[in-house]
C-alpha atoms as a PDB file:
ATOM      1  CA  MET A   1      18.793 -42.239  -3.852  1.00  0.00           C
ATOM      2  CA  GLN A   2      19.258 -43.907  -7.245  1.00  0.00           C
ATOM      3  CA  PRO A   3      16.678 -43.399 -10.015  1.00  0.00           C
ATOM      4  CA  ILE A   4      14.605 -46.520 -10.654  1.00  0.00           C
ATOM      5  CA  GLU A   5      16.061 -46.844 -14.167  1.00  0.00           C
ATOM      6  CA  ASP A   6      19.648 -46.905 -12.870  1.00  0.00           C
ATOM      7  CA  LEU A   7      18.785 -49.243 -10.018  1.00  0.00           C
ATOM      8  CA  ALA A   8      17.035 -51.688 -12.358  1.00  0.00           C
ATOM      9  CA  ALA A   9      19.893 -51.618 -14.868  1.00  0.00           C
ATOM     10  CA  LYS A  10      22.483 -52.417 -12.192  1.00  0.00           C
ATOM     11  CA  LEU A  11      20.426 -55.239 -10.697  1.00  0.00           C
ATOM     12  CA  LYS A  12      19.796 -56.713 -14.150  1.00  0.00           C
ATOM     13  CA  LYS A  13      23.554 -56.773 -14.652  1.00  0.00           C
ATOM     14  CA  VAL A  14      23.963 -58.718 -11.401  1.00  0.00           C
ATOM     15  CA  VAL A  15      21.299 -61.369 -11.994  1.00  0.00           C
ATOM     16  CA  ARG A  16      22.086 -61.842 -15.684  1.00  0.00           C
ATOM     17  CA  ALA A  17      25.702 -62.551 -14.854  1.00  0.00           C
ATOM     18  CA  ASP A  18      24.619 -65.339 -12.489  1.00  0.00           C
ATOM     19  CA  LYS A  19      23.466 -68.254 -14.658  1.00  0.00           C
ATOM     20  CA  GLU A  20      21.883 -69.977 -11.655  1.00  0.00           C
ATOM     21  CA  VAL A  21      19.318 -67.185 -11.261  1.00  0.00           C
ATOM     22  CA  LEU A  22      16.296 -68.229 -13.320  1.00  0.00           C
ATOM     23  CA  LEU A  23      13.807 -65.492 -12.431  1.00  0.00           C
ATOM     24  CA  ALA A  24      14.279 -62.259 -10.504  1.00  0.00           C
ATOM     25  CA  TYR A  25      12.290 -59.194  -9.469  1.00  0.00           C
ATOM     26  CA  LEU A  26      12.868 -55.883  -7.793  1.00  0.00           C
ATOM     27  CA  PHE A  27       9.807 -55.585  -5.560  1.00  0.00           C
ATOM     28  CA  GLY A  28       8.484 -53.738  -2.540  1.00  0.00           C
ATOM     29  CA  SER A  29       8.410 -49.942  -2.470  1.00  0.00           C
ATOM     30  CA  ARG A  30      11.204 -49.570  -5.016  1.00  0.00           C
ATOM     31  CA  GLY A  31       9.750 -52.137  -7.400  1.00  0.00           C
ATOM     32  CA  GLU A  32       6.360 -50.431  -7.282  1.00  0.00           C
ATOM     33  CA  GLY A  33       7.723 -46.924  -7.750  1.00  0.00           C
ATOM     34  CA  ARG A  34       7.017 -45.769  -4.165  1.00  0.00           C
ATOM     35  CA  VAL A  35      10.545 -44.856  -3.160  1.00  0.00           C
ATOM     36  CA  ALA A  36      11.365 -43.217   0.139  1.00  0.00           C
ATOM     37  CA  LYS A  37      14.817 -41.824   0.875  1.00  0.00           C
ATOM     38  CA  HIS A  38      15.908 -44.748   3.037  1.00  0.00           C
ATOM     39  CA  SER A  39      13.964 -47.547   1.334  1.00  0.00           C
ATOM     40  CA  ASP A  40      15.643 -50.935   1.372  1.00  0.00           C
ATOM     41  CA  VAL A  41      16.221 -52.821  -1.869  1.00  0.00           C
ATOM     42  CA  ASP A  42      14.032 -55.938  -1.989  1.00  0.00           C
ATOM     43  CA  ILE A  43      15.025 -58.594  -4.527  1.00  0.00           C
ATOM     44  CA  ALA A  44      13.261 -61.899  -5.164  1.00  0.00           C
ATOM     45  CA  ILE A  45      14.968 -64.755  -7.000  1.00  0.00           C
ATOM     46  CA  LEU A  46      14.161 -68.226  -8.245  1.00  0.00           C
ATOM     47  CA  HIS A  47      17.369 -70.190  -8.707  1.00  0.00           C
ATOM     48  CA  CYS A  48      18.930 -73.598  -9.281  1.00  0.00           C
ATOM     49  CA  GLY A  49      21.952 -72.990  -7.082  1.00  0.00           C
ATOM     50  CA  ASP A  50      22.877 -73.848  -3.519  1.00  0.00           C
ATOM     51  CA  GLU A  51      19.712 -73.611  -1.430  1.00  0.00           C
ATOM     52  CA  LEU A  52      21.571 -72.223   1.556  1.00  0.00           C
ATOM     53  CA  MET A  53      24.116 -69.922  -0.085  1.00  0.00           C
ATOM     54  CA  LYS A  54      22.601 -68.453  -3.274  1.00  0.00           C
ATOM     55  CA  ALA A  55      20.537 -65.669  -1.669  1.00  0.00           C
ATOM     56  CA  GLY A  56      23.619 -64.503   0.215  1.00  0.00           C
ATOM     57  CA  GLU A  57      25.711 -64.522  -2.958  1.00  0.00           C
ATOM     58  CA  VAL A  58      23.196 -62.379  -4.839  1.00  0.00           C
ATOM     59  CA  LYS A  59      22.910 -60.021  -1.879  1.00  0.00           C
ATOM     60  CA  GLU A  60      26.681 -59.540  -1.759  1.00  0.00           C
ATOM     61  CA  LYS A  61      26.953 -58.911  -5.512  1.00  0.00           C
ATOM     62  CA  ALA A  62      24.004 -56.497  -5.492  1.00  0.00           C
ATOM     63  CA  ALA A  63      25.480 -54.544  -2.583  1.00  0.00           C
ATOM     64  CA  ARG A  64      28.788 -54.235  -4.403  1.00  0.00           C
ATOM     65  CA  GLU A  65      27.137 -53.128  -7.657  1.00  0.00           C
ATOM     66  CA  LEU A  66      24.828 -50.627  -5.952  1.00  0.00           C
ATOM     67  CA  LYS A  67      27.515 -49.432  -3.528  1.00  0.00           C
ATOM     68  CA  LEU A  68      25.177 -50.004  -0.592  1.00  0.00           C
ATOM     69  CA  ASP A  69      25.591 -51.669   2.777  1.00  0.00           C
ATOM     70  CA  GLU A  70      24.365 -55.279   2.678  1.00  0.00           C
ATOM     71  CA  ASP A  71      21.951 -54.419   5.498  1.00  0.00           C
ATOM     72  CA  ARG A  72      20.057 -52.255   2.992  1.00  0.00           C
ATOM     73  CA  ILE A  73      19.414 -55.221   0.688  1.00  0.00           C
ATOM     74  CA  ASP A  74      17.071 -58.157   1.215  1.00  0.00           C
ATOM     75  CA  VAL A  75      16.972 -61.198  -1.077  1.00  0.00           C
ATOM     76  CA  VAL A  76      13.964 -63.540  -0.978  1.00  0.00           C
ATOM     77  CA  ASP A  77      13.873 -67.068  -2.394  1.00  0.00           C
ATOM     78  CA  ILE A  78      10.649 -67.203  -4.428  1.00  0.00           C
ATOM     79  CA  SER A  79      10.335 -70.966  -4.022  1.00  0.00           C
ATOM     80  CA  LYS A  80      10.091 -70.555  -0.240  1.00  0.00           C
ATOM     81  CA  ALA A  81       7.890 -67.449  -0.176  1.00  0.00           C
ATOM     82  CA  PRO A  82       4.250 -67.649   1.002  1.00  0.00           C
ATOM     83  CA  LEU A  83       1.583 -66.982  -1.622  1.00  0.00           C
ATOM     84  CA  THR A  84       0.774 -63.529  -0.266  1.00  0.00           C
ATOM     85  CA  LEU A  85       4.409 -62.492  -0.638  1.00  0.00           C
ATOM     86  CA  LYS A  86       4.554 -63.992  -4.142  1.00  0.00           C
ATOM     87  CA  LEU A  87       1.618 -61.778  -5.070  1.00  0.00           C
ATOM     88  CA  SER A  88       3.612 -58.734  -3.935  1.00  0.00           C
ATOM     89  CA  ILE A  89       6.670 -59.961  -5.810  1.00  0.00           C
ATOM     90  CA  VAL A  90       4.991 -60.210  -9.232  1.00  0.00           C
ATOM     91  CA  LYS A  91       3.686 -56.657  -8.817  1.00  0.00           C
ATOM     92  CA  GLY A  92       7.296 -55.513  -8.878  1.00  0.00           C
ATOM     93  CA  LEU A  93       9.737 -55.033 -11.741  1.00  0.00           C
ATOM     94  CA  LYS A  94      10.958 -58.175 -13.474  1.00  0.00           C
ATOM     95  CA  LEU A  95      14.731 -58.248 -13.883  1.00  0.00           C
ATOM     96  CA  ILE A  96      15.187 -61.551 -15.708  1.00  0.00           C
ATOM     97  CA  ASP A  97      13.278 -64.658 -16.776  1.00  0.00           C
ATOM     98  CA  ARG A  98      15.339 -67.415 -18.386  1.00  0.00           C
ATOM     99  CA  GLY A  99      12.283 -69.442 -19.384  1.00  0.00           C
ATOM    100  CA  ASN A 100       8.585 -69.594 -18.598  1.00  0.00           C
ATOM    101  CA  TYR A 101       9.207 -69.259 -14.870  1.00  0.00           C
ATOM    102  CA  GLU A 102       7.115 -66.118 -14.484  1.00  0.00           C
ATOM    103  CA  LYS A 103       4.183 -67.764 -16.255  1.00  0.00           C
ATOM    104  CA  ALA A 104       4.363 -70.730 -13.874  1.00  0.00           C
ATOM    105  CA  LEU A 105       4.382 -68.352 -10.911  1.00  0.00           C
ATOM    106  CA  ILE A 106       1.363 -66.453 -12.222  1.00  0.00           C
ATOM    107  CA  ASP A 107      -0.496 -69.706 -12.906  1.00  0.00           C
ATOM    108  CA  GLU A 108       0.123 -70.719  -9.301  1.00  0.00           C
ATOM    109  CA  LEU A 109      -1.223 -67.405  -8.025  1.00  0.00           C
ATOM    110  CA  ASN A 110      -4.241 -67.406 -10.307  1.00  0.00           C
ATOM    111  CA  LYS A 111      -5.272 -70.778  -8.905  1.00  0.00           C
ATOM    112  CA  LYS A 112      -5.218 -69.249  -5.437  1.00  0.00           C
ATOM    113  CA  PHE A 113      -6.780 -65.932  -6.503  1.00  0.00           C
ATOM    114  CA  PRO A 114      -8.979 -66.968  -9.480  1.00  0.00           C
ATOM    115  CA  GLU A 115     -10.857 -63.667  -9.746  1.00  0.00           C
ATOM    116  CA  THR A 116      -7.698 -61.585  -9.826  1.00  0.00           C
ATOM    117  CA  ARG A 117      -6.015 -60.743 -13.068  1.00  0.00           C
ATOM    118  CA  ILE A 118      -2.443 -60.148 -12.008  1.00  0.00           C
ATOM    119  CA  ILE A 119      -1.014 -57.226 -13.896  1.00  0.00           C
ATOM    120  CA  ILE A 120       2.724 -57.508 -13.837  1.00  0.00           C
ATOM    121  CA  ASN A 121       5.098 -54.567 -13.595  1.00  0.00           C
ATOM    122  CA  SER A 122       2.654 -52.284 -15.406  1.00  0.00           C
ATOM    123  CA  SER A 123       3.191 -49.031 -13.526  1.00  0.00           C
ATOM    124  CA  VAL A 124       6.980 -48.984 -13.295  1.00  0.00           C
ATOM    125  CA  ARG A 125       7.743 -50.851 -16.524  1.00  0.00           C
ATOM    126  CA  GLU A 126       5.717 -48.587 -18.783  1.00  0.00           C
ATOM    127  CA  ALA A 127       6.904 -45.467 -16.991  1.00  0.00           C
ATOM    128  CA  ILE A 128      10.483 -46.481 -17.749  1.00  0.00           C
ATOM    129  CA  GLU A 129       9.686 -47.296 -21.388  1.00  0.00           C
ATOM    130  CA  CYS A 130       7.839 -44.004 -21.891  1.00  0.00           C
ATOM    131  CA  ASN A 131      10.780 -41.914 -20.637  1.00  0.00           C
ATOM    132  CA  ALA A 132      10.162 -38.939 -18.372  1.00  0.00           C
ATOM    133  CA  PHE A 133       6.678 -40.118 -17.399  1.00  0.00           C
ATOM    134  CA  SER A 134       5.006 -38.497 -20.416  1.00  0.00           C
ATOM    135  CA  LEU A 135       1.883 -39.560 -22.266  1.00  0.00           C
ATOM    136  CA  ARG A 136       2.458 -41.201 -25.615  1.00  0.00           C
ATOM    137  CA  ARG A 137       0.029 -39.838 -28.165  1.00  0.00           C
ATOM    138  CA  ASP A 138       0.531 -42.870 -30.419  1.00  0.00           C
ATOM    139  CA  VAL A 139      -0.637 -45.189 -27.636  1.00  0.00           C
ATOM    140  CA  LEU A 140      -3.718 -43.082 -26.926  1.00  0.00           C
ATOM    141  CA  TYR A 141      -4.618 -42.676 -30.580  1.00  0.00           C
ATOM    142  CA  SER A 142      -4.092 -46.319 -31.607  1.00  0.00           C
ATOM    143  CA  ARG A 143      -6.186 -47.617 -28.689  1.00  0.00           C
ATOM    144  CA  LEU A 144      -8.905 -45.052 -29.390  1.00  0.00           C
ATOM    145  CA  GLN A 145      -9.003 -46.187 -33.016  1.00  0.00           C
ATOM    146  CA  LYS A 146      -9.444 -49.764 -31.808  1.00  0.00           C
ATOM    147  CA  VAL A 147     -12.340 -48.683 -29.579  1.00  0.00           C
ATOM    148  CA  ARG A 148     -13.966 -46.964 -32.549  1.00  0.00           C
ATOM    149  CA  GLU A 149     -13.480 -49.977 -34.841  1.00  0.00           C
ATOM    150  CA  GLU A 150     -15.016 -52.454 -32.413  1.00  0.00           C
ATOM    151  CA  ALA A 151     -17.856 -50.080 -31.520  1.00  0.00           C
ATOM    152  CA  THR A 152     -18.692 -49.674 -35.213  1.00  0.00           C
ATOM    153  CA  TYR A 153     -18.573 -53.437 -35.782  1.00  0.00           C
ATOM    154  CA  LEU A 154     -20.868 -54.154 -32.844  1.00  0.00           C
ATOM    155  CA  LYS A 155     -23.296 -51.429 -33.846  1.00  0.00           C
ATOM    156  CA  GLU A 156     -23.477 -52.388 -37.535  1.00  0.00           C
ATOM    157  CA  GLU A 157     -23.088 -56.178 -37.401  1.00  0.00           C
ATOM    158  CA  ILE A 158     -24.399 -57.352 -34.016  1.00  0.00           C
ATOM    159  CA  LEU A 159     -26.777 -54.880 -32.415  1.00  0.00           C
ATOM    160  CA  VAL A 160     -28.923 -54.677 -35.553  1.00  0.00           C
ATOM    161  CA  ARG A 161     -29.898 -58.320 -35.040  1.00  0.00           C
ATOM    162  CA  GLY A 162     -32.570 -59.593 -32.719  1.00  0.00           C
ATOM    163  CA  VAL A 163     -31.709 -61.312 -29.456  1.00  0.00           C
ATOM    164  CA  GLU A 164     -32.578 -64.788 -30.739  1.00  0.00           C
ATOM    165  CA  ALA A 165     -30.596 -64.299 -33.940  1.00  0.00           C
ATOM    166  CA  VAL A 166     -27.515 -63.580 -31.844  1.00  0.00           C
ATOM    167  CA  VAL A 167     -28.010 -66.043 -29.001  1.00  0.00           C
ATOM    168  CA  LEU A 168     -28.892 -69.048 -31.172  1.00  0.00           C
ATOM    169  CA  ASP A 169     -26.021 -68.620 -33.625  1.00  0.00           C
ATOM    170  CA  GLY A 170     -22.707 -69.857 -32.247  1.00  0.00           C
ATOM    171  CA  THR A 171     -20.563 -67.923 -34.724  1.00  0.00           C
ATOM    172  CA  THR A 172     -22.346 -64.651 -33.973  1.00  0.00           C
ATOM    173  CA  ARG A 173     -22.143 -65.245 -30.214  1.00  0.00           C
ATOM    174  CA  ARG A 174     -18.410 -65.799 -30.376  1.00  0.00           C
ATOM    175  CA  ALA A 175     -17.894 -62.786 -32.653  1.00  0.00           C
ATOM    176  CA  MET A 176     -19.869 -60.582 -30.267  1.00  0.00           C
ATOM    177  CA  ALA A 177     -17.965 -61.766 -27.187  1.00  0.00           C
ATOM    178  CA  ARG A 178     -14.625 -61.350 -28.941  1.00  0.00           C
ATOM    179  CA  SER A 179     -15.440 -57.842 -30.147  1.00  0.00           C
ATOM    180  CA  ILE A 180     -16.686 -56.710 -26.724  1.00  0.00           C
ATOM    181  CA  HIS A 181     -13.566 -58.146 -25.122  1.00  0.00           C
ATOM    182  CA  GLU A 182     -11.246 -56.303 -27.530  1.00  0.00           C
ATOM    183  CA  LEU A 183     -13.159 -53.043 -27.127  1.00  0.00           C
ATOM    184  CA  ILE A 184     -12.883 -53.278 -23.343  1.00  0.00           C
ATOM    185  CA  GLU A 185      -9.171 -54.153 -23.519  1.00  0.00           C
ATOM    186  CA  ALA A 186      -8.503 -51.072 -25.653  1.00  0.00           C
ATOM    187  CA  MET A 187     -10.327 -48.761 -23.228  1.00  0.00           C
ATOM    188  CA  LEU A 188      -8.597 -50.194 -20.186  1.00  0.00           C
ATOM    189  CA  ASP A 189      -5.242 -50.117 -21.953  1.00  0.00           C
ATOM    190  CA  ILE A 190      -5.550 -46.340 -22.244  1.00  0.00           C
ATOM    191  CA  CYS A 191      -6.355 -46.166 -18.528  1.00  0.00           C
ATOM    192  CA  ARG A 192      -3.382 -48.403 -17.758  1.00  0.00           C
ATOM    193  CA  HIS A 193      -1.071 -46.206 -19.822  1.00  0.00           C
ATOM    194  CA  LEU A 194      -2.155 -43.081 -17.963  1.00  0.00           C
ATOM    195  CA  VAL A 195      -1.809 -44.758 -14.551  1.00  0.00           C
ATOM    196  CA  SER A 196       1.655 -45.983 -15.527  1.00  0.00           C
ATOM    197  CA  VAL A 197       3.161 -42.778 -16.848  1.00  0.00           C
ATOM    198  CA  LYS A 198       1.673 -40.737 -14.009  1.00  0.00           C
ATOM    199  CA  ALA A 199       3.055 -43.293 -11.515  1.00  0.00           C
ATOM    200  CA  LEU A 200      -0.238 -43.403  -9.622  1.00  0.00           C
ATOM    201  CA  GLY A 201       0.588 -46.639  -7.838  1.00  0.00           C
ATOM    202  CA  PRO A 202       0.579 -50.435  -8.210  1.00  0.00           C
ATOM    203  CA  THR A 203      -2.445 -52.317  -9.503  1.00  0.00           C
ATOM    204  CA  GLU A 204      -3.755 -55.842  -9.051  1.00  0.00           C
ATOM    205  CA  THR A 205      -6.938 -55.808 -11.126  1.00  0.00           C
ATOM    206  CA  TYR A 206      -8.215 -53.882 -14.131  1.00  0.00           C
ATOM    207  CA  THR A 207     -10.756 -52.066 -11.966  1.00  0.00           C
ATOM    208  CA  ASP A 208      -7.813 -50.386 -10.223  1.00  0.00           C
ATOM    209  CA  PHE A 209      -6.990 -48.340 -13.338  1.00  0.00           C
ATOM    210  CA  PRO A 210     -10.148 -46.184 -13.535  1.00  0.00           C
ATOM    211  CA  ARG A 211     -10.334 -46.083  -9.728  1.00  0.00           C
ATOM    212  CA  LEU A 212      -6.832 -44.598  -9.432  1.00  0.00           C
ATOM    213  CA  LEU A 213      -7.529 -42.122 -12.225  1.00  0.00           C
ATOM    214  CA  SER A 214     -10.669 -40.978 -10.436  1.00  0.00           C
ATOM    215  CA  GLU A 215      -8.867 -40.660  -7.100  1.00  0.00           C
ATOM    216  CA  HIS A 216      -6.344 -38.340  -8.767  1.00  0.00           C
ATOM    217  CA  ASN A 217      -9.030 -36.315 -10.586  1.00  0.00           C
ATOM    218  CA  LEU A 218      -7.812 -37.417 -14.011  1.00  0.00           C
ATOM    219  CA  ILE A 219     -11.142 -38.802 -15.220  1.00  0.00           C
ATOM    220  CA  PRO A 220     -14.792 -37.877 -14.589  1.00  0.00           C
ATOM    221  CA  PRO A 221     -16.103 -39.966 -11.647  1.00  0.00           C
ATOM    222  CA  SER A 222     -19.132 -41.200 -13.598  1.00  0.00           C
ATOM    223  CA  LEU A 223     -16.919 -42.453 -16.436  1.00  0.00           C
ATOM    224  CA  ALA A 224     -14.569 -44.119 -13.951  1.00  0.00           C
ATOM    225  CA  GLU A 225     -17.498 -45.980 -12.386  1.00  0.00           C
ATOM    226  CA  ALA A 226     -18.691 -47.106 -15.811  1.00  0.00           C
ATOM    227  CA  LEU A 227     -15.203 -48.348 -16.695  1.00  0.00           C
ATOM    228  CA  GLU A 228     -14.926 -50.263 -13.422  1.00  0.00           C
ATOM    229  CA  GLU A 229     -18.148 -52.046 -14.365  1.00  0.00           C
ATOM    230  CA  VAL A 230     -16.772 -52.687 -17.848  1.00  0.00           C
ATOM    231  CA  ALA A 231     -13.596 -54.146 -16.292  1.00  0.00           C
ATOM    232  CA  ARG A 232     -15.703 -56.568 -14.258  1.00  0.00           C
ATOM    233  CA  LEU A 233     -17.450 -57.651 -17.452  1.00  0.00           C
ATOM    234  CA  ARG A 234     -14.041 -58.281 -18.991  1.00  0.00           C
ATOM    235  CA  ASN A 235     -13.168 -60.586 -16.108  1.00  0.00           C
ATOM    236  CA  VAL A 236     -16.348 -62.569 -16.739  1.00  0.00           C
ATOM    237  CA  LEU A 237     -15.482 -62.933 -20.426  1.00  0.00           C
ATOM    238  CA  VAL A 238     -11.934 -64.051 -19.647  1.00  0.00           C
ATOM    239  CA  HIS A 239     -12.323 -66.181 -16.528  1.00  0.00           C
ATOM    240  CA  ARG A 240     -15.974 -67.272 -16.361  1.00  0.00           C
ATOM    241  CA  TYR A 241     -16.900 -67.580 -20.019  1.00  0.00           C
ATOM    242  CA  ILE A 242     -18.869 -70.794 -19.469  1.00  0.00           C
ATOM    243  CA  GLU A 243     -21.356 -68.862 -17.330  1.00  0.00           C
ATOM    244  CA  VAL A 244     -21.978 -66.049 -19.852  1.00  0.00           C
ATOM    245  CA  ASP A 245     -25.636 -65.193 -20.512  1.00  0.00           C
ATOM    246  CA  TYR A 246     -25.463 -64.002 -24.124  1.00  0.00           C
ATOM    247  CA  GLY A 247     -28.806 -62.243 -23.953  1.00  0.00           C
ATOM    248  CA  ARG A 248     -27.549 -60.096 -21.091  1.00  0.00           C
ATOM    249  CA  LEU A 249     -24.195 -59.676 -22.842  1.00  0.00           C
ATOM    250  CA  LEU A 250     -26.000 -58.269 -25.880  1.00  0.00           C
ATOM    251  CA  SER A 251     -27.801 -55.809 -23.617  1.00  0.00           C
ATOM    252  CA  LYS A 252     -24.494 -54.836 -21.985  1.00  0.00           C
ATOM    253  CA  ALA A 253     -22.932 -54.313 -25.407  1.00  0.00           C
ATOM    254  CA  ARG A 254     -25.705 -51.896 -26.330  1.00  0.00           C
ATOM    255  CA  GLU A 255     -25.212 -50.000 -23.063  1.00  0.00           C
ATOM    256  CA  ILE A 256     -21.446 -49.745 -23.588  1.00  0.00           C
ATOM    257  CA  ILE A 257     -21.838 -48.520 -27.168  1.00  0.00           C
ATOM    258  CA  ASP A 258     -24.578 -46.000 -26.388  1.00  0.00           C
ATOM    259  CA  ARG A 259     -23.470 -44.658 -23.013  1.00  0.00           C
ATOM    260  CA  VAL A 260     -19.831 -45.455 -22.262  1.00  0.00           C
ATOM    261  CA  VAL A 261     -17.972 -45.195 -25.569  1.00  0.00           C
ATOM    262  CA  PRO A 262     -19.091 -41.605 -26.425  1.00  0.00           C
ATOM    263  CA  LYS A 263     -17.998 -40.299 -22.998  1.00  0.00           C
ATOM    264  CA  PHE A 264     -14.781 -42.296 -23.177  1.00  0.00           C
ATOM    265  CA  GLU A 265     -13.966 -40.940 -26.635  1.00  0.00           C
ATOM    266  CA  GLU A 266     -14.593 -37.375 -25.469  1.00  0.00           C
ATOM    267  CA  TRP A 267     -12.272 -37.912 -22.487  1.00  0.00           C
ATOM    268  CA  VAL A 268      -9.447 -39.373 -24.604  1.00  0.00           C
ATOM    269  CA  LEU A 269      -9.718 -36.604 -27.190  1.00  0.00           C
ATOM    270  CA  GLY A 270      -9.319 -34.165 -24.317  1.00  0.00           C
ATOM    271  CA  LEU A 271      -6.136 -35.965 -23.240  1.00  0.00           C
ATOM    272  CA  LEU A 272      -4.809 -35.774 -26.794  1.00  0.00           C
ATOM    273  CA  ARG A 273      -5.491 -32.038 -26.965  1.00  0.00           C
ATOM    274  CA  GLU A 274      -3.788 -31.439 -23.614  1.00  0.00           C
ATOM    275  CA  SER A 275      -0.707 -33.462 -24.597  1.00  0.00           C
ATOM    276  CA  LYS A 276       0.112 -31.371 -27.689  1.00  0.00           C
END
């Protein structure tokens, strides 16, 4: 059974050598890091070649490069795949994108699944980048510093104002929403990093990160629940910003600063101590 890094490198060599392949993924169990001994190799391609022959050509070349029987390899044409399969494909490991083809695919999926933030390749890609599935202290520390910066800004510049002063001033409203968004992103980015390097499984939404950490006893359950709620707030800010009630958002900001951030900081500092 080939390591995911070696498998990805060999498949990248195959698809990059074929100029008619515009976008390609390794998906399924191998693309998501769930590899069994006899797992098949599932490849998805978007191409500008012969509609009938291209998938077979890529399959043959991949089999030769991987030294596997062609029966162990399956090649899917992305343009012909149903939406549900496309959703599985983008959760895999991207091998090549010769333009903005991935973005177009994600846009198509987000129209079908508007409440889902598709998180591409996060588990496998970051695990490969981090080498040996180890926590990166620089990632944890830099994101924690961002959490602290935004928490301080909100506490000193926004929360000291009255509700009307915030809600009625467009500049202040936008600054508050932006700061909350960035604070949430930094917290969830730490969760994503931990899920990735621990190879806890594929994710589709930001709420999956704290949920998976909790299921593997890597975060206190109460903090995980709070972060799931925070992730849902992030989705509102990103996807349903027109519907935002800024009075309630101000109240949520106060709750995050007072109750969530201190527990989150304590948890991350514990991770940093353990990773020495």
